[in-house]
């Protein structure tokens, strides 16, 4: 519905995952387009939140060294590519 802090919760999901990956010294982490399936979060906005959370995180952390965005949906892959390249 968009009125229950969804954007902040989604951002927090990425931030928490990245902090855990850092604390466990994982060399890589992969993210699907979280909430874009059955939860129907708008893909463009979800991908923007994801990439912004990662860009913010890597300003101060170097682990994980590799952060991957994955999905099987070509539209979502294109959104990620447009945001990142």
Protein backbone atom coordinates (compact mmCIF):
# COMPACT_ATOMS: atom_id res chain seq x y z
CA UNK A 1 0.00 0.00 0.00
CA UNK A 2 2.93 2.36 0.48
CA UNK A 3 1.92 3.77 3.85
CA UNK A 4 3.73 1.42 6.21
CA UNK A 5 7.34 2.61 5.93
CA UNK A 6 8.01 0.20 3.06
CA UNK A 7 10.81 2.26 1.50
CA UNK A 8 12.68 2.59 4.78
CA UNK A 9 12.17 -1.10 5.57
CA UNK A 10 13.51 -2.12 2.18
CA UNK A 11 16.56 0.11 2.59
CA UNK A 12 17.10 -1.34 6.06
CA UNK A 13 17.01 -4.85 4.61
CA UNK A 14 19.95 -4.04 2.32
CA UNK A 15 21.84 -2.15 5.03
CA UNK A 16 21.46 -4.97 7.54
CA UNK A 17 22.52 -7.60 5.01
CA UNK A 18 25.59 -5.58 4.07
CA UNK A 19 26.55 -5.04 7.72
CA UNK A 20 26.23 -8.77 8.38
CA UNK A 21 28.31 -9.60 5.31
CA UNK A 22 30.92 -7.16 6.56
CA UNK A 23 30.94 -8.52 10.10
CA UNK A 24 31.33 -12.09 8.81
CA UNK A 25 34.02 -10.88 6.39
CA UNK A 26 32.23 -12.34 3.39
CA UNK A 27 34.01 -11.61 0.13
CA UNK A 28 30.76 -11.30 -1.82
CA UNK A 29 27.01 -11.00 -1.47
CA UNK A 30 24.24 -11.24 -4.08
CA UNK A 31 20.85 -9.57 -3.94
CA UNK A 32 17.73 -10.38 -5.95
CA UNK A 33 15.21 -7.60 -6.51
CA UNK A 34 13.80 -7.84 -3.00
CA UNK A 35 10.03 -7.22 -2.73
CA UNK A 36 9.48 -6.95 -6.50
CA UNK A 37 7.75 -10.32 -6.77
CA UNK A 38 4.68 -11.16 -4.73
CA UNK A 39 4.94 -7.92 -2.74
CA UNK A 40 4.62 -5.82 -5.94
CA UNK A 41 7.03 -3.09 -4.88
CA UNK A 42 7.63 -0.86 -7.94
CA UNK A 43 10.78 -2.32 -9.57
CA UNK A 44 12.30 1.04 -10.54
CA UNK A 45 12.01 2.34 -7.01
CA UNK A 46 13.16 -0.91 -5.40
CA UNK A 47 16.27 -1.06 -7.59
CA UNK A 48 17.03 2.59 -6.87
CA UNK A 49 16.75 1.98 -3.12
CA UNK A 50 19.00 -1.07 -3.43
CA UNK A 51 21.71 0.65 -5.45
CA UNK A 52 21.67 3.75 -3.25
CA UNK A 53 21.99 1.64 -0.10
CA UNK A 54 24.98 -0.18 -1.58
CA UNK A 55 26.64 3.02 -2.84
CA UNK A 56 26.23 4.56 0.61
CA UNK A 57 27.68 1.46 2.29
CA UNK A 58 30.79 1.18 0.09
CA UNK A 59 31.77 4.76 0.90
CA UNK A 60 33.04 3.53 4.27
CA UNK A 61 33.46 -0.27 3.94
CA UNK A 62 35.55 -2.45 1.65
CA UNK A 63 34.06 -5.82 2.65
CA UNK A 64 32.28 -7.45 0.97
CA UNK A 65 34.49 -6.83 -2.03
CA UNK A 66 31.86 -7.89 -4.55
CA UNK A 67 28.18 -6.94 -4.39
CA UNK A 68 26.01 -8.47 -7.07
CA UNK A 69 22.47 -7.65 -8.14
CA UNK A 70 20.74 -10.62 -9.75
CA UNK A 71 17.33 -11.42 -11.13
CA UNK A 72 15.67 -13.53 -13.80
CA UNK A 73 13.40 -10.72 -14.96
CA UNK A 74 14.92 -8.91 -17.94
CA UNK A 75 13.13 -5.66 -17.09
CA UNK A 76 14.65 -5.62 -13.61
CA UNK A 77 18.09 -6.47 -14.99
CA UNK A 78 17.79 -3.52 -17.37
CA UNK A 79 16.77 -1.22 -14.51
CA UNK A 80 19.86 -2.27 -12.54
CA UNK A 81 22.08 -1.77 -15.58
CA UNK A 82 20.68 1.72 -16.16
CA UNK A 83 21.25 2.68 -12.53
CA UNK A 84 24.76 1.26 -12.33
CA UNK A 85 26.31 1.89 -15.74
